[in-house]
C-alpha atoms as a PDB file:
ATOM      1  CA  UNK A   1     -43.327 -49.809  43.773  1.00  0.00           C
ATOM      2  CA  UNK A   2     -47.001 -49.258  44.401  1.00  0.00           C
ATOM      3  CA  UNK A   3     -49.619 -46.578  44.780  1.00  0.00           C
ATOM      4  CA  UNK A   4     -52.561 -47.420  47.049  1.00  0.00           C
ATOM      5  CA  UNK A   5     -52.192 -51.110  46.331  1.00  0.00           C
ATOM      6  CA  UNK A   6     -51.160 -50.603  42.683  1.00  0.00           C
ATOM      7  CA  UNK A   7     -47.566 -50.851  41.470  1.00  0.00           C
ATOM      8  CA  UNK A   8     -45.783 -47.526  40.920  1.00  0.00           C
ATOM      9  CA  UNK A   9     -43.393 -47.537  37.953  1.00  0.00           C
ATOM     10  CA  UNK A  10     -40.409 -45.259  38.525  1.00  0.00           C
ATOM     11  CA  UNK A  11     -37.349 -45.224  36.312  1.00  0.00           C
ATOM     12  CA  UNK A  12     -34.397 -46.643  38.200  1.00  0.00           C
ATOM     13  CA  UNK A  13     -32.180 -43.960  36.730  1.00  0.00           C
ATOM     14  CA  UNK A  14     -34.422 -41.209  38.084  1.00  0.00           C
ATOM     15  CA  UNK A  15     -34.372 -42.717  41.554  1.00  0.00           C
ATOM     16  CA  UNK A  16     -30.620 -43.104  41.508  1.00  0.00           C
ATOM     17  CA  UNK A  17     -30.141 -39.599  40.136  1.00  0.00           C
ATOM     18  CA  UNK A  18     -32.140 -38.156  43.016  1.00  0.00           C
ATOM     19  CA  UNK A  19     -30.152 -40.060  45.638  1.00  0.00           C
ATOM     20  CA  UNK A  20     -27.231 -37.731  46.215  1.00  0.00           C
ATOM     21  CA  UNK A  21     -29.406 -34.669  46.740  1.00  0.00           C
ATOM     22  CA  UNK A  22     -31.806 -36.577  48.980  1.00  0.00           C
ATOM     23  CA  UNK A  23     -29.146 -38.103  51.192  1.00  0.00           C
ATOM     24  CA  UNK A  24     -27.217 -34.863  51.567  1.00  0.00           C
ATOM     25  CA  UNK A  25     -30.330 -33.195  52.968  1.00  0.00           C
ATOM     26  CA  UNK A  26     -31.682 -36.001  55.090  1.00  0.00           C
ATOM     27  CA  UNK A  27     -29.111 -38.484  56.295  1.00  0.00           C
ATOM     28  CA  UNK A  28     -26.107 -36.254  56.723  1.00  0.00           C
ATOM     29  CA  UNK A  29     -22.735 -36.904  55.170  1.00  0.00           C
ATOM     30  CA  UNK A  30     -20.713 -36.769  58.362  1.00  0.00           C
ATOM     31  CA  UNK A  31     -22.043 -40.082  59.706  1.00  0.00           C
ATOM     32  CA  UNK A  32     -22.723 -38.906  63.270  1.00  0.00           C
ATOM     33  CA  UNK A  33     -21.822 -40.849  66.369  1.00  0.00           C
ATOM     34  CA  UNK A  34     -24.332 -43.640  65.670  1.00  0.00           C
ATOM     35  CA  UNK A  35     -24.349 -44.948  69.249  1.00  0.00           C
ATOM     36  CA  UNK A  36     -27.722 -46.333  70.271  1.00  0.00           C
ATOM     37  CA  UNK A  37     -29.212 -46.035  73.730  1.00  0.00           C
ATOM     38  CA  UNK A  38     -30.744 -49.096  75.353  1.00  0.00           C
ATOM     39  CA  UNK A  39     -34.215 -47.697  74.728  1.00  0.00           C
ATOM     40  CA  UNK A  40     -33.520 -47.072  71.050  1.00  0.00           C
ATOM     41  CA  UNK A  41     -31.956 -50.498  70.609  1.00  0.00           C
ATOM     42  CA  UNK A  42     -35.028 -52.140  72.118  1.00  0.00           C
ATOM     43  CA  UNK A  43     -37.282 -50.148  69.779  1.00  0.00           C
ATOM     44  CA  UNK A  44     -40.365 -50.868  71.876  1.00  0.00           C
ATOM     45  CA  UNK A  45     -43.248 -48.383  71.570  1.00  0.00           C
ATOM     46  CA  UNK A  46     -45.342 -47.076  74.413  1.00  0.00           C
ATOM     47  CA  UNK A  47     -48.711 -48.772  73.921  1.00  0.00           C
ATOM     48  CA  UNK A  48     -50.727 -46.800  76.466  1.00  0.00           C
ATOM     49  CA  UNK A  49     -53.919 -45.456  74.945  1.00  0.00           C
ATOM     50  CA  UNK A  50     -55.525 -42.222  76.094  1.00  0.00           C
ATOM     51  CA  UNK A  51     -59.085 -41.616  74.911  1.00  0.00           C
ATOM     52  CA  UNK A  52     -61.342 -38.590  74.584  1.00  0.00           C
ATOM     53  CA  UNK A  53     -58.667 -35.940  74.051  1.00  0.00           C
ATOM     54  CA  UNK A  54     -60.394 -32.826  72.741  1.00  0.00           C
ATOM     55  CA  UNK A  55     -57.233 -31.543  71.058  1.00  0.00           C
ATOM     56  CA  UNK A  56     -53.679 -32.707  70.341  1.00  0.00           C
ATOM     57  CA  UNK A  57     -51.870 -32.191  73.681  1.00  0.00           C
ATOM     58  CA  UNK A  58     -49.248 -29.430  73.996  1.00  0.00           C
ATOM     59  CA  UNK A  59     -49.945 -27.985  70.543  1.00  0.00           C
ATOM     60  CA  UNK A  60     -50.982 -24.334  70.632  1.00  0.00           C
ATOM     61  CA  UNK A  61     -53.399 -22.439  68.433  1.00  0.00           C
ATOM     62  CA  UNK A  62     -50.746 -21.317  65.927  1.00  0.00           C
ATOM     63  CA  UNK A  63     -50.023 -24.843  64.688  1.00  0.00           C
ATOM     64  CA  UNK A  64     -53.353 -26.406  65.616  1.00  0.00           C
ATOM     65  CA  UNK A  65     -55.119 -24.116  63.156  1.00  0.00           C
ATOM     66  CA  UNK A  66     -52.843 -25.440  60.390  1.00  0.00           C
ATOM     67  CA  UNK A  67     -54.024 -29.045  60.842  1.00  0.00           C
ATOM     68  CA  UNK A  68     -56.500 -29.704  58.010  1.00  0.00           C
ATOM     69  CA  UNK A  69     -60.060 -30.053  59.236  1.00  0.00           C
ATOM     70  CA  UNK A  70     -60.373 -33.461  57.557  1.00  0.00           C
ATOM     71  CA  UNK A  71     -57.207 -34.924  59.044  1.00  0.00           C
ATOM     72  CA  UNK A  72     -57.854 -37.888  61.327  1.00  0.00           C
ATOM     73  CA  UNK A  73     -54.251 -39.038  61.809  1.00  0.00           C
ATOM     74  CA  UNK A  74     -51.610 -36.778  63.349  1.00  0.00           C
ATOM     75  CA  UNK A  75     -47.986 -37.724  63.994  1.00  0.00           C
ATOM     76  CA  UNK A  76     -46.806 -35.274  66.661  1.00  0.00           C
ATOM     77  CA  UNK A  77     -43.049 -34.845  67.095  1.00  0.00           C
ATOM     78  CA  UNK A  78     -42.261 -33.282  70.464  1.00  0.00           C
ATOM     79  CA  UNK A  79     -38.693 -31.991  70.450  1.00  0.00           C
ATOM     80  CA  UNK A  80     -37.064 -31.727  73.870  1.00  0.00           C
ATOM     81  CA  UNK A  81     -35.663 -28.270  73.183  1.00  0.00           C
ATOM     82  CA  UNK A  82     -34.822 -25.760  70.477  1.00  0.00           C
ATOM     83  CA  UNK A  83     -31.200 -26.954  70.360  1.00  0.00           C
ATOM     84  CA  UNK A  84     -31.815 -30.606  71.262  1.00  0.00           C
ATOM     85  CA  UNK A  85     -31.700 -33.630  68.939  1.00  0.00           C
ATOM     86  CA  UNK A  86     -33.974 -35.717  71.193  1.00  0.00           C
ATOM     87  CA  UNK A  87     -37.681 -36.067  70.546  1.00  0.00           C
ATOM     88  CA  UNK A  88     -40.765 -38.154  71.239  1.00  0.00           C
ATOM     89  CA  UNK A  89     -42.991 -39.206  68.357  1.00  0.00           C
ATOM     90  CA  UNK A  90     -46.695 -39.815  69.087  1.00  0.00           C
ATOM     91  CA  UNK A  91     -49.454 -41.012  66.767  1.00  0.00           C
ATOM     92  CA  UNK A  92     -52.915 -39.593  67.464  1.00  0.00           C
ATOM     93  CA  UNK A  93     -56.017 -40.921  65.726  1.00  0.00           C
ATOM     94  CA  UNK A  94     -59.320 -39.059  65.630  1.00  0.00           C
ATOM     95  CA  UNK A  95     -62.466 -40.961  66.546  1.00  0.00           C
ATOM     96  CA  UNK A  96     -65.612 -38.918  66.231  1.00  0.00           C
ATOM     97  CA  UNK A  97     -64.725 -35.507  67.660  1.00  0.00           C
ATOM     98  CA  UNK A  98     -61.959 -36.680  69.990  1.00  0.00           C
ATOM     99  CA  UNK A  99     -58.374 -37.872  69.642  1.00  0.00           C
ATOM    100  CA  UNK A 100     -56.832 -41.135  70.844  1.00  0.00           C
ATOM    101  CA  UNK A 101     -53.146 -41.518  71.657  1.00  0.00           C
ATOM    102  CA  UNK A 102     -52.338 -44.815  69.938  1.00  0.00           C
ATOM    103  CA  UNK A 103     -48.530 -45.179  69.910  1.00  0.00           C
ATOM    104  CA  UNK A 104     -45.434 -43.366  71.134  1.00  0.00           C
ATOM    105  CA  UNK A 105     -41.709 -43.804  70.398  1.00  0.00           C
ATOM    106  CA  UNK A 106     -38.462 -42.154  71.398  1.00  0.00           C
ATOM    107  CA  UNK A 107     -36.550 -40.740  68.449  1.00  0.00           C
ATOM    108  CA  UNK A 108     -34.418 -37.915  67.103  1.00  0.00           C
ATOM    109  CA  UNK A 109     -34.564 -34.768  65.004  1.00  0.00           C
ATOM    110  CA  UNK A 110     -31.884 -32.477  63.550  1.00  0.00           C
ATOM    111  CA  UNK A 111     -28.472 -32.556  65.236  1.00  0.00           C
ATOM    112  CA  UNK A 112     -28.717 -28.846  66.100  1.00  0.00           C
ATOM    113  CA  UNK A 113     -32.399 -28.906  67.031  1.00  0.00           C
ATOM    114  CA  UNK A 114     -35.249 -26.960  65.410  1.00  0.00           C
ATOM    115  CA  UNK A 115     -35.887 -23.859  63.326  1.00  0.00           C
ATOM    116  CA  UNK A 116     -38.865 -21.883  62.019  1.00  0.00           C
ATOM    117  CA  UNK A 117     -36.786 -20.919  58.944  1.00  0.00           C
ATOM    118  CA  UNK A 118     -35.082 -24.077  57.745  1.00  0.00           C
ATOM    119  CA  UNK A 119     -32.186 -23.665  55.310  1.00  0.00           C
ATOM    120  CA  UNK A 120     -30.187 -26.245  53.382  1.00  0.00           C
ATOM    121  CA  UNK A 121     -27.569 -27.947  55.602  1.00  0.00           C
ATOM    122  CA  UNK A 122     -28.444 -26.032  58.790  1.00  0.00           C
ATOM    123  CA  UNK A 123     -28.779 -29.384  60.644  1.00  0.00           C
ATOM    124  CA  UNK A 124     -32.100 -28.259  62.155  1.00  0.00           C
ATOM    125  CA  UNK A 125     -35.550 -29.747  61.570  1.00  0.00           C
ATOM    126  CA  UNK A 126     -38.298 -27.412  60.330  1.00  0.00           C
ATOM    127  CA  UNK A 127     -41.069 -26.482  62.762  1.00  0.00           C
ATOM    128  CA  UNK A 128     -44.556 -26.781  61.306  1.00  0.00           C
ATOM    129  CA  UNK A 129     -47.491 -28.848  60.094  1.00  0.00           C
ATOM    130  CA  UNK A 130     -46.840 -30.924  56.968  1.00  0.00           C
ATOM    131  CA  UNK A 131     -48.860 -33.514  55.091  1.00  0.00           C
ATOM    132  CA  UNK A 132     -47.613 -37.092  54.687  1.00  0.00           C
ATOM    133  CA  UNK A 133     -48.221 -38.334  51.151  1.00  0.00           C
ATOM    134  CA  UNK A 134     -45.509 -40.738  49.964  1.00  0.00           C
ATOM    135  CA  UNK A 135     -43.237 -43.462  51.321  1.00  0.00           C
ATOM    136  CA  UNK A 136     -40.500 -45.807  50.200  1.00  0.00           C
ATOM    137  CA  UNK A 137     -37.218 -47.422  51.107  1.00  0.00           C
ATOM    138  CA  UNK A 138     -34.609 -50.052  50.428  1.00  0.00           C
ATOM    139  CA  UNK A 139     -36.788 -52.827  51.851  1.00  0.00           C
ATOM    140  CA  UNK A 140     -39.886 -54.294  50.242  1.00  0.00           C
ATOM    141  CA  UNK A 141     -43.226 -52.671  50.954  1.00  0.00           C
ATOM    142  CA  UNK A 142     -44.298 -53.893  54.431  1.00  0.00           C
ATOM    143  CA  UNK A 143     -47.963 -53.288  53.648  1.00  0.00           C
ATOM    144  CA  UNK A 144     -47.955 -49.504  53.421  1.00  0.00           C
ATOM    145  CA  UNK A 145     -51.161 -47.638  52.731  1.00  0.00           C
ATOM    146  CA  UNK A 146     -49.268 -44.614  51.444  1.00  0.00           C
ATOM    147  CA  UNK A 147     -47.819 -44.910  47.912  1.00  0.00           C
ATOM    148  CA  UNK A 148     -44.554 -46.840  48.385  1.00  0.00           C
ATOM    149  CA  UNK A 149     -41.433 -46.785  46.201  1.00  0.00           C
ATOM    150  CA  UNK A 150     -39.039 -49.696  46.750  1.00  0.00           C
ATOM    151  CA  UNK A 151     -35.558 -49.062  45.372  1.00  0.00           C
ATOM    152  CA  UNK A 152     -31.921 -49.840  46.142  1.00  0.00           C
ATOM    153  CA  UNK A 153     -31.403 -46.171  45.251  1.00  0.00           C
ATOM    154  CA  UNK A 154     -32.378 -45.300  48.834  1.00  0.00           C
ATOM    155  CA  UNK A 155     -29.351 -47.149  50.239  1.00  0.00           C
ATOM    156  CA  UNK A 156     -27.163 -44.936  52.416  1.00  0.00           C
ATOM    157  CA  UNK A 157     -23.560 -44.804  51.152  1.00  0.00           C
ATOM    158  CA  UNK A 158     -21.213 -47.191  52.911  1.00  0.00           C
ATOM    159  CA  UNK A 159     -18.609 -44.527  53.546  1.00  0.00           C
ATOM    160  CA  UNK A 160     -21.022 -43.285  56.240  1.00  0.00           C
ATOM    161  CA  UNK A 161     -20.731 -44.783  59.714  1.00  0.00           C
ATOM    162  CA  UNK A 162     -22.065 -48.354  59.706  1.00  0.00           C
ATOM    163  CA  UNK A 163     -24.772 -47.364  62.202  1.00  0.00           C
ATOM    164  CA  UNK A 164     -26.323 -45.220  59.442  1.00  0.00           C
ATOM    165  CA  UNK A 165     -26.446 -47.853  56.709  1.00  0.00           C
ATOM    166  CA  UNK A 166     -30.063 -48.821  57.432  1.00  0.00           C
ATOM    167  CA  UNK A 167     -31.417 -45.301  57.944  1.00  0.00           C
ATOM    168  CA  UNK A 168     -33.432 -45.419  54.730  1.00  0.00           C
ATOM    169  CA  UNK A 169     -34.677 -48.999  54.830  1.00  0.00           C
ATOM    170  CA  UNK A 170     -38.068 -47.338  55.367  1.00  0.00           C
ATOM    171  CA  UNK A 171     -38.896 -43.656  54.845  1.00  0.00           C
ATOM    172  CA  UNK A 172     -42.008 -41.497  54.821  1.00  0.00           C
ATOM    173  CA  UNK A 173     -41.646 -38.178  53.042  1.00  0.00           C
ATOM    174  CA  UNK A 174     -42.583 -35.081  55.038  1.00  0.00           C
ATOM    175  CA  UNK A 175     -44.169 -32.689  52.538  1.00  0.00           C
ATOM    176  CA  UNK A 176     -41.726 -29.840  53.088  1.00  0.00           C
ATOM    177  CA  UNK A 177     -40.500 -28.225  49.847  1.00  0.00           C
ATOM    178  CA  UNK A 178     -41.320 -31.246  47.724  1.00  0.00           C
ATOM    179  CA  UNK A 179     -43.838 -32.364  45.098  1.00  0.00           C
ATOM    180  CA  UNK A 180     -46.542 -34.649  46.459  1.00  0.00           C
ATOM    181  CA  UNK A 181     -47.216 -37.837  44.550  1.00  0.00           C
ATOM    182  CA  UNK A 182     -43.559 -38.492  43.744  1.00  0.00           C
ATOM    183  CA  UNK A 183     -40.954 -40.817  45.239  1.00  0.00           C
ATOM    184  CA  UNK A 184     -39.503 -39.469  48.517  1.00  0.00           C
ATOM    185  CA  UNK A 185     -36.112 -39.017  46.851  1.00  0.00           C
ATOM    186  CA  UNK A 186     -37.419 -36.971  43.939  1.00  0.00           C
ATOM    187  CA  UNK A 187     -35.088 -33.915  43.912  1.00  0.00           C
ATOM    188  CA  UNK A 188     -37.638 -31.236  42.943  1.00  0.00           C
ATOM    189  CA  UNK A 189     -37.636 -28.244  45.337  1.00  0.00           C
ATOM    190  CA  UNK A 190     -40.593 -25.922  44.544  1.00  0.00           C
ATOM    191  CA  UNK A 191     -39.289 -23.232  46.951  1.00  0.00           C
ATOM    192  CA  UNK A 192     -35.718 -23.479  45.709  1.00  0.00           C
ATOM    193  CA  UNK A 193     -32.674 -25.447  46.806  1.00  0.00           C
ATOM    194  CA  UNK A 194     -31.684 -22.989  49.563  1.00  0.00           C
ATOM    195  CA  UNK A 195     -34.833 -23.903  51.532  1.00  0.00           C
ATOM    196  CA  UNK A 196     -33.646 -27.497  51.873  1.00  0.00           C
ATOM    197  CA  UNK A 197     -35.705 -30.606  51.298  1.00  0.00           C
ATOM    198  CA  UNK A 198     -35.797 -34.396  51.514  1.00  0.00           C
ATOM    199  CA  UNK A 199     -37.102 -34.134  55.079  1.00  0.00           C
ATOM    200  CA  UNK A 200     -38.248 -37.622  56.021  1.00  0.00           C
ATOM    201  CA  UNK A 201     -39.427 -39.844  58.812  1.00  0.00           C
ATOM    202  CA  UNK A 202     -36.874 -42.654  58.723  1.00  0.00           C
ATOM    203  CA  UNK A 203     -35.100 -45.342  60.739  1.00  0.00           C
ATOM    204  CA  UNK A 204     -33.269 -44.225  63.858  1.00  0.00           C
ATOM    205  CA  UNK A 205     -29.518 -44.676  64.339  1.00  0.00           C
ATOM    206  CA  UNK A 206     -29.404 -43.445  67.942  1.00  0.00           C
ATOM    207  CA  UNK A 207     -28.421 -39.800  67.412  1.00  0.00           C
ATOM    208  CA  UNK A 208     -29.474 -36.611  65.630  1.00  0.00           C
ATOM    209  CA  UNK A 209     -30.101 -36.301  61.885  1.00  0.00           C
ATOM    210  CA  UNK A 210     -29.369 -33.597  59.326  1.00  0.00           C
ATOM    211  CA  UNK A 211     -33.002 -32.400  59.426  1.00  0.00           C
ATOM    212  CA  UNK A 212     -35.216 -35.504  59.386  1.00  0.00           C
ATOM    213  CA  UNK A 213     -37.124 -37.205  62.199  1.00  0.00           C
ATOM    214  CA  UNK A 214     -36.059 -40.753  63.086  1.00  0.00           C
ATOM    215  CA  UNK A 215     -37.716 -43.516  65.072  1.00  0.00           C
ATOM    216  CA  UNK A 216     -37.208 -47.269  65.615  1.00  0.00           C
ATOM    217  CA  UNK A 217     -37.887 -49.803  62.872  1.00  0.00           C
ATOM    218  CA  UNK A 218     -40.965 -51.033  64.718  1.00  0.00           C
ATOM    219  CA  UNK A 219     -42.327 -47.496  64.681  1.00  0.00           C
ATOM    220  CA  UNK A 220     -41.692 -47.035  60.985  1.00  0.00           C
ATOM    221  CA  UNK A 221     -43.380 -50.342  60.192  1.00  0.00           C
ATOM    222  CA  UNK A 222     -46.376 -49.389  62.324  1.00  0.00           C
ATOM    223  CA  UNK A 223     -46.742 -45.971  60.704  1.00  0.00           C
ATOM    224  CA  UNK A 224     -46.379 -47.391  57.201  1.00  0.00           C
ATOM    225  CA  UNK A 225     -49.110 -49.941  57.843  1.00  0.00           C
ATOM    226  CA  UNK A 226     -51.360 -47.422  59.609  1.00  0.00           C
ATOM    227  CA  UNK A 227     -51.131 -44.031  57.908  1.00  0.00           C
ATOM    228  CA  UNK A 228     -53.961 -43.942  55.403  1.00  0.00           C
ATOM    229  CA  UNK A 229     -54.287 -41.362  52.601  1.00  0.00           C
ATOM    230  CA  UNK A 230     -58.056 -41.375  53.138  1.00  0.00           C
ATOM    231  CA  UNK A 231     -57.459 -40.126  56.709  1.00  0.00           C
ATOM    232  CA  UNK A 232     -55.326 -37.199  55.458  1.00  0.00           C
ATOM    233  CA  UNK A 233     -52.339 -37.830  57.760  1.00  0.00           C
ATOM    234  CA  UNK A 234     -50.099 -34.946  58.814  1.00  0.00           C
ATOM    235  CA  UNK A 235     -47.062 -34.440  60.996  1.00  0.00           C
ATOM    236  CA  UNK A 236     -46.973 -31.632  63.572  1.00  0.00           C
ATOM    237  CA  UNK A 237     -43.354 -31.141  64.589  1.00  0.00           C
ATOM    238  CA  UNK A 238     -41.144 -28.823  66.584  1.00  0.00           C
ATOM    239  CA  UNK A 239     -39.533 -28.147  69.937  1.00  0.00           C
ATOM    240  CA  UNK A 240     -41.940 -27.972  72.852  1.00  0.00           C
ATOM    241  CA  UNK A 241     -41.889 -24.163  73.085  1.00  0.00           C
ATOM    242  CA  UNK A 242     -42.677 -23.619  69.415  1.00  0.00           C
ATOM    243  CA  UNK A 243     -45.333 -26.343  69.473  1.00  0.00           C
ATOM    244  CA  UNK A 244     -47.150 -24.562  72.308  1.00  0.00           C
ATOM    245  CA  UNK A 245     -47.110 -21.155  70.618  1.00  0.00           C
ATOM    246  CA  UNK A 246     -50.489 -19.400  70.733  1.00  0.00           C
END
């Protein structure tokens, strides 16, 4: 386990103790259908690069104003609809005063879509702007710039559908109702348990999640190797209508 190139020491018991709460919020205990589309199975990102964007496309003033002034990396999650589990994940990088579109992947969000008032087990992803501070997973650190916690404690239970077993090979914690600077599966909920938590970017299994955002393994590897704490990365996420709100 490491922080910014240094090893992070986390008690194995603490990681394991946090697992049940984390998985119940993020992965979903019902297993889902788990069927992958051809596009998801391929896991190939869109590599087209668009330069000189003055603002993040299709994000209105309401959320744009919540992006920290110093942030130079934005992961935008464009949900297809308020009740849809389908989304597109785009990484934008700021160069000077303009934004570049650097990568794009197809992925998924909550099974029931999106909400501006997320509650525990509502199966909807929270709309908003959230910082990205910590990462981890079952697999060894692939060269992450974010603090990375490697632990078998992330392993999805094998009574879930087999298609879900690798969901948490790599995860990036979305800073919704959590304590920054801790392992993604730390169970602390500053706003209380009823507000949910353990909202992550994680590996895609081809269908909706309990509240997280999922994308192909190649996308997770790219984000882990690219998101830099010094660039103050954030995620801007929601269905298209809520994202465009003025």
